[in-house]
């Protein structure tokens, strides 16, 4: 038996979580730019964590979606 696709509710939930995560990443990028402009090198770490985390989530969801029928 093949794997079933996502239900409408599951797709809507994933889209909502993706939007919320994107908003937090944008806020993290803005905060990291502010920290970097103030001379705090911790801004680079915040920027890396935000971008790498978001990219990982995006690639994971993309691969899961591609694997679904």
PDB file of N, CA and C in Angstrom:
ATOM      1  N   UNK A   1       0.842  -1.178   0.000  1.00  0.00           N
ATOM      2  CA  UNK A   1       0.000   0.000   0.000  1.00  0.00           C
ATOM      3  C   UNK A   1       0.885   1.237   0.000  1.00  0.00           C
ATOM      4  N   UNK A   2       0.615   2.139  -0.896  1.00  0.00           N
ATOM      5  CA  UNK A   2       1.396   3.356  -0.987  1.00  0.00           C
ATOM      6  C   UNK A   2       1.069   4.333   0.129  1.00  0.00           C
ATOM      7  N   UNK A   3       1.933   5.299   0.284  1.00  0.00           N
ATOM      8  CA  UNK A   3       1.698   6.316   1.301  1.00  0.00           C
ATOM      9  C   UNK A   3       0.624   7.276   0.827  1.00  0.00           C
ATOM     10  N   UNK A   4      -0.248   7.635   1.734  1.00  0.00           N
ATOM     11  CA  UNK A   4      -1.307   8.572   1.394  1.00  0.00           C
ATOM     12  C   UNK A   4      -0.785   9.999   1.467  1.00  0.00           C
ATOM     13  N   UNK A   5      -1.416  10.901   0.747  1.00  0.00           N
ATOM     14  CA  UNK A   5      -1.029  12.305   0.768  1.00  0.00           C
ATOM     15  C   UNK A   5      -1.542  13.020   2.011  1.00  0.00           C
ATOM     16  N   UNK A   6      -1.132  14.249   2.166  1.00  0.00           N
ATOM     17  CA  UNK A   6      -1.555  15.048   3.309  1.00  0.00           C
ATOM     18  C   UNK A   6      -3.018  15.436   3.163  1.00  0.00           C
ATOM     19  N   UNK A   7      -3.689  15.553   4.302  1.00  0.00           N
ATOM     20  CA  UNK A   7      -5.059  16.041   4.285  1.00  0.00           C
ATOM     21  C   UNK A   7      -5.040  17.555   4.136  1.00  0.00           C
ATOM     22  N   UNK A   8      -6.191  18.115   3.866  1.00  0.00           N
ATOM     23  CA  UNK A   8      -6.299  19.568   3.719  1.00  0.00           C
ATOM     24  C   UNK A   8      -5.902  20.271   5.015  1.00  0.00           C
ATOM     25  N   UNK A   9      -6.305  19.705   6.151  1.00  0.00           N
ATOM     26  CA  UNK A   9      -5.980  20.312   7.433  1.00  0.00           C
ATOM     27  C   UNK A   9      -4.472  20.276   7.699  1.00  0.00           C
ATOM     28  N   UNK A  10      -3.830  19.180   7.329  1.00  0.00           N
ATOM     29  CA  UNK A  10      -2.389  19.083   7.520  1.00  0.00           C
ATOM     30  C   UNK A  10      -1.650  20.084   6.642  1.00  0.00           C
ATOM     31  N   UNK A  11      -2.081  20.220   5.392  1.00  0.00           N
ATOM     32  CA  UNK A  11      -1.441  21.201   4.501  1.00  0.00           C
ATOM     33  C   UNK A  11      -1.622  22.616   5.030  1.00  0.00           C
ATOM     34  N   UNK A  12      -2.822  22.936   5.534  1.00  0.00           N
ATOM     35  CA  UNK A  12      -3.077  24.268   6.076  1.00  0.00           C
ATOM     36  C   UNK A  12      -2.229  24.513   7.314  1.00  0.00           C
ATOM     37  N   UNK A  13      -2.071  23.497   8.151  1.00  0.00           N
ATOM     38  CA  UNK A  13      -1.247  23.641   9.351  1.00  0.00           C
ATOM     39  C   UNK A  13       0.214  23.882   9.003  1.00  0.00           C
ATOM     40  N   UNK A  14       0.716  23.159   8.020  1.00  0.00           N
ATOM     41  CA  UNK A  14       2.108  23.338   7.604  1.00  0.00           C
ATOM     42  C   UNK A  14       2.315  24.740   7.044  1.00  0.00           C
ATOM     43  N   UNK A  15       1.372  25.216   6.243  1.00  0.00           N
ATOM     44  CA  UNK A  15       1.487  26.571   5.694  1.00  0.00           C
ATOM     45  C   UNK A  15       1.482  27.614   6.803  1.00  0.00           C
ATOM     46  N   UNK A  16       0.632  27.412   7.808  1.00  0.00           N
ATOM     47  CA  UNK A  16       0.563  28.369   8.908  1.00  0.00           C
ATOM     48  C   UNK A  16       1.870  28.364   9.707  1.00  0.00           C
ATOM     49  N   UNK A  17       2.390  27.188  10.032  1.00  0.00           N
ATOM     50  CA  UNK A  17       3.660  27.117  10.754  1.00  0.00           C
ATOM     51  C   UNK A  17       4.789  27.727   9.928  1.00  0.00           C
ATOM     52  N   UNK A  18       4.759  27.513   8.621  1.00  0.00           N
ATOM     53  CA  UNK A  18       5.799  28.069   7.758  1.00  0.00           C
ATOM     54  C   UNK A  18       5.738  29.595   7.767  1.00  0.00           C
ATOM     55  N   UNK A  19       4.523  30.156   7.716  1.00  0.00           N
ATOM     56  CA  UNK A  19       4.384  31.622   7.772  1.00  0.00           C
ATOM     57  C   UNK A  19       4.884  32.175   9.104  1.00  0.00           C
ATOM     58  N   UNK A  20       4.503  31.543  10.195  1.00  0.00           N
ATOM     59  CA  UNK A  20       4.926  32.004  11.522  1.00  0.00           C
ATOM     60  C   UNK A  20       6.448  31.942  11.644  1.00  0.00           C
ATOM     61  N   UNK A  21       7.028  30.834  11.181  1.00  0.00           N
ATOM     62  CA  UNK A  21       8.479  30.688  11.239  1.00  0.00           C
ATOM     63  C   UNK A  21       9.172  31.736  10.375  1.00  0.00           C
ATOM     64  N   UNK A  22       8.610  32.034   9.221  1.00  0.00           N
ATOM     65  CA  UNK A  22       9.195  33.053   8.346  1.00  0.00           C
ATOM     66  C   UNK A  22       9.171  34.425   9.013  1.00  0.00           C
ATOM     67  N   UNK A  23       8.096  34.746   9.716  1.00  0.00           N
ATOM     68  CA  UNK A  23       8.024  36.025  10.431  1.00  0.00           C
ATOM     69  C   UNK A  23       9.115  36.098  11.492  1.00  0.00           C
ATOM     70  N   UNK A  24       9.301  35.008  12.248  1.00  0.00           N
ATOM     71  CA  UNK A  24      10.341  35.008  13.277  1.00  0.00           C
ATOM     72  C   UNK A  24      11.740  35.091  12.675  1.00  0.00           C
ATOM     73  N   UNK A  25      11.947  34.481  11.520  1.00  0.00           N
ATOM     74  CA  UNK A  25      13.251  34.567  10.853  1.00  0.00           C
ATOM     75  C   UNK A  25      13.506  35.997  10.393  1.00  0.00           C
ATOM     76  N   UNK A  26      12.495  36.654   9.857  1.00  0.00           N
ATOM     77  CA  UNK A  26      12.654  38.048   9.438  1.00  0.00           C
ATOM     78  C   UNK A  26      12.988  38.924  10.639  1.00  0.00           C
ATOM     79  N   UNK A  27      12.301  38.693  11.762  1.00  0.00           N
ATOM     80  CA  UNK A  27      12.624  39.439  12.982  1.00  0.00           C
ATOM     81  C   UNK A  27      14.045  39.146  13.453  1.00  0.00           C
ATOM     82  N   UNK A  28      14.470  37.891  13.344  1.00  0.00           N
ATOM     83  CA  UNK A  28      15.838  37.532  13.718  1.00  0.00           C
ATOM     84  C   UNK A  28      16.863  38.200  12.826  1.00  0.00           C
ATOM     85  N   UNK A  29      16.573  38.295  11.540  1.00  0.00           N
ATOM     86  CA  UNK A  29      17.495  38.962  10.614  1.00  0.00           C
ATOM     87  C   UNK A  29      17.574  40.449  10.932  1.00  0.00           C
ATOM     88  N   UNK A  30      16.429  41.062  11.203  1.00  0.00           N
ATOM     89  CA  UNK A  30      16.435  42.486  11.559  1.00  0.00           C
ATOM     90  C   UNK A  30      17.226  42.709  12.839  1.00  0.00           C
ATOM     91  N   UNK A  31      17.000  41.859  13.854  1.00  0.00           N
ATOM     92  CA  UNK A  31      17.732  41.991  15.113  1.00  0.00           C
ATOM     93  C   UNK A  31      19.227  41.766  14.915  1.00  0.00           C
ATOM     94  N   UNK A  32      19.586  40.808  14.066  1.00  0.00           N
ATOM     95  CA  UNK A  32      21.012  40.563  13.832  1.00  0.00           C
ATOM     96  C   UNK A  32      21.668  41.736  13.107  1.00  0.00           C
ATOM     97  N   UNK A  33      20.947  42.372  12.189  1.00  0.00           N
ATOM     98  CA  UNK A  33      21.496  43.557  11.515  1.00  0.00           C
ATOM     99  C   UNK A  33      21.680  44.690  12.518  1.00  0.00           C
ATOM    100  N   UNK A  34      20.727  44.852  13.426  1.00  0.00           N
ATOM    101  CA  UNK A  34      20.847  45.879  14.461  1.00  0.00           C
ATOM    102  C   UNK A  34      22.051  45.581  15.351  1.00  0.00           C
ATOM    103  N   UNK A  35      22.202  44.322  15.757  1.00  0.00           N
ATOM    104  CA  UNK A  35      23.343  43.956  16.603  1.00  0.00           C
ATOM    105  C   UNK A  35      24.664  44.176  15.878  1.00  0.00           C
ATOM    106  N   UNK A  36      24.716  43.818  14.611  1.00  0.00           N
ATOM    107  CA  UNK A  36      25.947  44.013  13.848  1.00  0.00           C
ATOM    108  C   UNK A  36      26.267  45.494  13.671  1.00  0.00           C
ATOM    109  N   UNK A  37      25.243  46.323  13.472  1.00  0.00           N
ATOM    110  CA  UNK A  37      25.495  47.753  13.310  1.00  0.00           C
ATOM    111  C   UNK A  37      25.967  48.388  14.613  1.00  0.00           C
ATOM    112  N   UNK A  38      25.601  47.777  15.751  1.00  0.00           N
ATOM    113  CA  UNK A  38      26.068  48.275  17.047  1.00  0.00           C
ATOM    114  C   UNK A  38      27.448  47.725  17.391  1.00  0.00           C
ATOM    115  N   UNK A  39      27.983  46.849  16.573  1.00  0.00           N
ATOM    116  CA  UNK A  39      29.320  46.319  16.798  1.00  0.00           C
ATOM    117  C   UNK A  39      29.337  45.015  17.574  1.00  0.00           C
ATOM    118  N   UNK A  40      28.203  44.419  17.808  1.00  0.00           N
ATOM    119  CA  UNK A  40      28.129  43.161  18.536  1.00  0.00           C
ATOM    120  C   UNK A  40      28.269  42.010  17.547  1.00  0.00           C
ATOM    121  N   UNK A  41      29.289  41.193  17.716  1.00  0.00           N
ATOM    122  CA  UNK A  41      29.527  40.099  16.773  1.00  0.00           C
ATOM    123  C   UNK A  41      28.559  38.942  16.978  1.00  0.00           C
ATOM    124  N   UNK A  42      27.781  38.961  18.036  1.00  0.00           N
ATOM    125  CA  UNK A  42      26.767  37.937  18.245  1.00  0.00           C
ATOM    126  C   UNK A  42      25.676  37.981  17.183  1.00  0.00           C
ATOM    127  N   UNK A  43      25.593  39.099  16.478  1.00  0.00           N
ATOM    128  CA  UNK A  43      24.625  39.221  15.396  1.00  0.00           C
ATOM    129  C   UNK A  43      24.871  38.202  14.295  1.00  0.00           C
ATOM    130  N   UNK A  44      26.148  37.865  14.052  1.00  0.00           N
ATOM    131  CA  UNK A  44      26.464  36.862  13.031  1.00  0.00           C
ATOM    132  C   UNK A  44      25.923  35.496  13.438  1.00  0.00           C
ATOM    133  N   UNK A  45      26.047  35.171  14.729  1.00  0.00           N
ATOM    134  CA  UNK A  45      25.532  33.892  15.213  1.00  0.00           C
ATOM    135  C   UNK A  45      24.011  33.836  15.090  1.00  0.00           C
ATOM    136  N   UNK A  46      23.340  34.895  15.474  1.00  0.00           N
ATOM    137  CA  UNK A  46      21.887  34.950  15.356  1.00  0.00           C
ATOM    138  C   UNK A  46      21.453  34.840  13.899  1.00  0.00           C
ATOM    139  N   UNK A  47      22.168  35.518  13.028  1.00  0.00           N
ATOM    140  CA  UNK A  47      21.855  35.450  11.596  1.00  0.00           C
ATOM    141  C   UNK A  47      22.029  34.029  11.064  1.00  0.00           C
ATOM    142  N   UNK A  48      23.123  33.384  11.443  1.00  0.00           N
ATOM    143  CA  UNK A  48      23.381  32.016  10.977  1.00  0.00           C
ATOM    144  C   UNK A  48      22.326  31.045  11.505  1.00  0.00           C
ATOM    145  N   UNK A  49      21.987  31.148  12.775  1.00  0.00           N
ATOM    146  CA  UNK A  49      20.984  30.258  13.351  1.00  0.00           C
ATOM    147  C   UNK A  49      19.642  30.449  12.652  1.00  0.00           C
ATOM    148  N   UNK A  50      19.260  31.696  12.409  1.00  0.00           N
ATOM    149  CA  UNK A  50      17.978  31.970  11.774  1.00  0.00           C
ATOM    150  C   UNK A  50      17.921  31.418  10.358  1.00  0.00           C
ATOM    151  N   UNK A  51      18.921  31.716   9.573  1.00  0.00           N
ATOM    152  CA  UNK A  51      18.905  31.316   8.160  1.00  0.00           C
ATOM    153  C   UNK A  51      19.058  29.804   8.008  1.00  0.00           C
ATOM    154  N   UNK A  52      19.969  29.198   8.762  1.00  0.00           N
ATOM    155  CA  UNK A  52      20.181  27.755   8.641  1.00  0.00           C
ATOM    156  C   UNK A  52      18.947  26.987   9.118  1.00  0.00           C
ATOM    157  N   UNK A  53      18.340  27.438  10.205  1.00  0.00           N
ATOM    158  CA  UNK A  53      17.134  26.783  10.702  1.00  0.00           C
ATOM    159  C   UNK A  53      15.983  26.875   9.716  1.00  0.00           C
ATOM    160  N   UNK A  54      15.787  28.059   9.142  1.00  0.00           N
ATOM    161  CA  UNK A  54      14.704  28.240   8.178  1.00  0.00           C
ATOM    162  C   UNK A  54      14.957  27.421   6.912  1.00  0.00           C
ATOM    163  N   UNK A  55      16.202  27.436   6.424  1.00  0.00           N
ATOM    164  CA  UNK A  55      16.533  26.677   5.211  1.00  0.00           C
ATOM    165  C   UNK A  55      16.360  25.182   5.446  1.00  0.00           C
ATOM    166  N   UNK A  56      16.739  24.701   6.626  1.00  0.00           N
ATOM    167  CA  UNK A  56      16.553  23.286   6.942  1.00  0.00           C
ATOM    168  C   UNK A  56      15.087  22.899   6.957  1.00  0.00           C
ATOM    169  N   UNK A  57      14.266  23.756   7.557  1.00  0.00           N
ATOM    170  CA  UNK A  57      12.829  23.486   7.590  1.00  0.00           C
ATOM    171  C   UNK A  57      12.253  23.496   6.169  1.00  0.00           C
ATOM    172  N   UNK A  58      12.650  24.457   5.370  1.00  0.00           N
ATOM    173  CA  UNK A  58      12.157  24.560   3.994  1.00  0.00           C
ATOM    174  C   UNK A  58      12.522  23.318   3.188  1.00  0.00           C
ATOM    175  N   UNK A  59      13.775  22.887   3.275  1.00  0.00           N
ATOM    176  CA  UNK A  59      14.203  21.720   2.508  1.00  0.00           C
ATOM    177  C   UNK A  59      13.522  20.444   2.990  1.00  0.00           C
ATOM    178  N   UNK A  60      13.328  20.322   4.297  1.00  0.00           N
ATOM    179  CA  UNK A  60      12.639  19.151   4.837  1.00  0.00           C
ATOM    180  C   UNK A  60      11.205  19.089   4.334  1.00  0.00           C
ATOM    181  N   UNK A  61      10.495  20.203   4.424  1.00  0.00           N
ATOM    182  CA  UNK A  61       9.108  20.217   3.954  1.00  0.00           C
ATOM    183  C   UNK A  61       9.020  19.981   2.452  1.00  0.00           C
ATOM    184  N   UNK A  62       9.970  20.515   1.713  1.00  0.00           N
ATOM    185  CA  UNK A  62       9.985  20.317   0.264  1.00  0.00           C
ATOM    186  C   UNK A  62      10.191  18.840  -0.080  1.00  0.00           C
ATOM    187  N   UNK A  63      11.100  18.173   0.623  1.00  0.00           N
ATOM    188  CA  UNK A  63      11.346  16.756   0.357  1.00  0.00           C
ATOM    189  C   UNK A  63      10.162  15.895   0.787  1.00  0.00           C
ATOM    190  N   UNK A  64       9.533  16.219   1.905  1.00  0.00           N
ATOM    191  CA  UNK A  64       8.360  15.463   2.343  1.00  0.00           C
ATOM    192  C   UNK A  64       7.225  15.628   1.343  1.00  0.00           C
ATOM    193  N   UNK A  65       7.032  16.861   0.870  1.00  0.00           N
ATOM    194  CA  UNK A  65       5.964  17.115  -0.091  1.00  0.00           C
ATOM    195  C   UNK A  65       6.216  16.370  -1.404  1.00  0.00           C
ATOM    196  N   UNK A  66       7.475  16.318  -1.833  1.00  0.00           N
ATOM    197  CA  UNK A  66       7.811  15.632  -3.075  1.00  0.00           C
ATOM    198  C   UNK A  66       7.592  14.125  -2.939  1.00  0.00           C
ATOM    199  N   UNK A  67       7.790  13.579  -1.747  1.00  0.00           N
ATOM    200  CA  UNK A  67       7.644  12.141  -1.531  1.00  0.00           C
ATOM    201  C   UNK A  67       6.175  11.718  -1.470  1.00  0.00           C
ATOM    202  N   UNK A  68       5.274  12.673  -1.239  1.00  0.00           N
ATOM    203  CA  UNK A  68       3.862  12.338  -1.155  1.00  0.00           C
ATOM    204  C   UNK A  68       3.278  12.153  -2.551  1.00  0.00           C
ATOM    205  N   UNK A  69       2.302  11.270  -2.690  1.00  0.00           N
ATOM    206  CA  UNK A  69       1.691  11.063  -4.011  1.00  0.00           C
ATOM    207  C   UNK A  69       0.810  12.227  -4.418  1.00  0.00           C
TER     208      UNK A  69
END
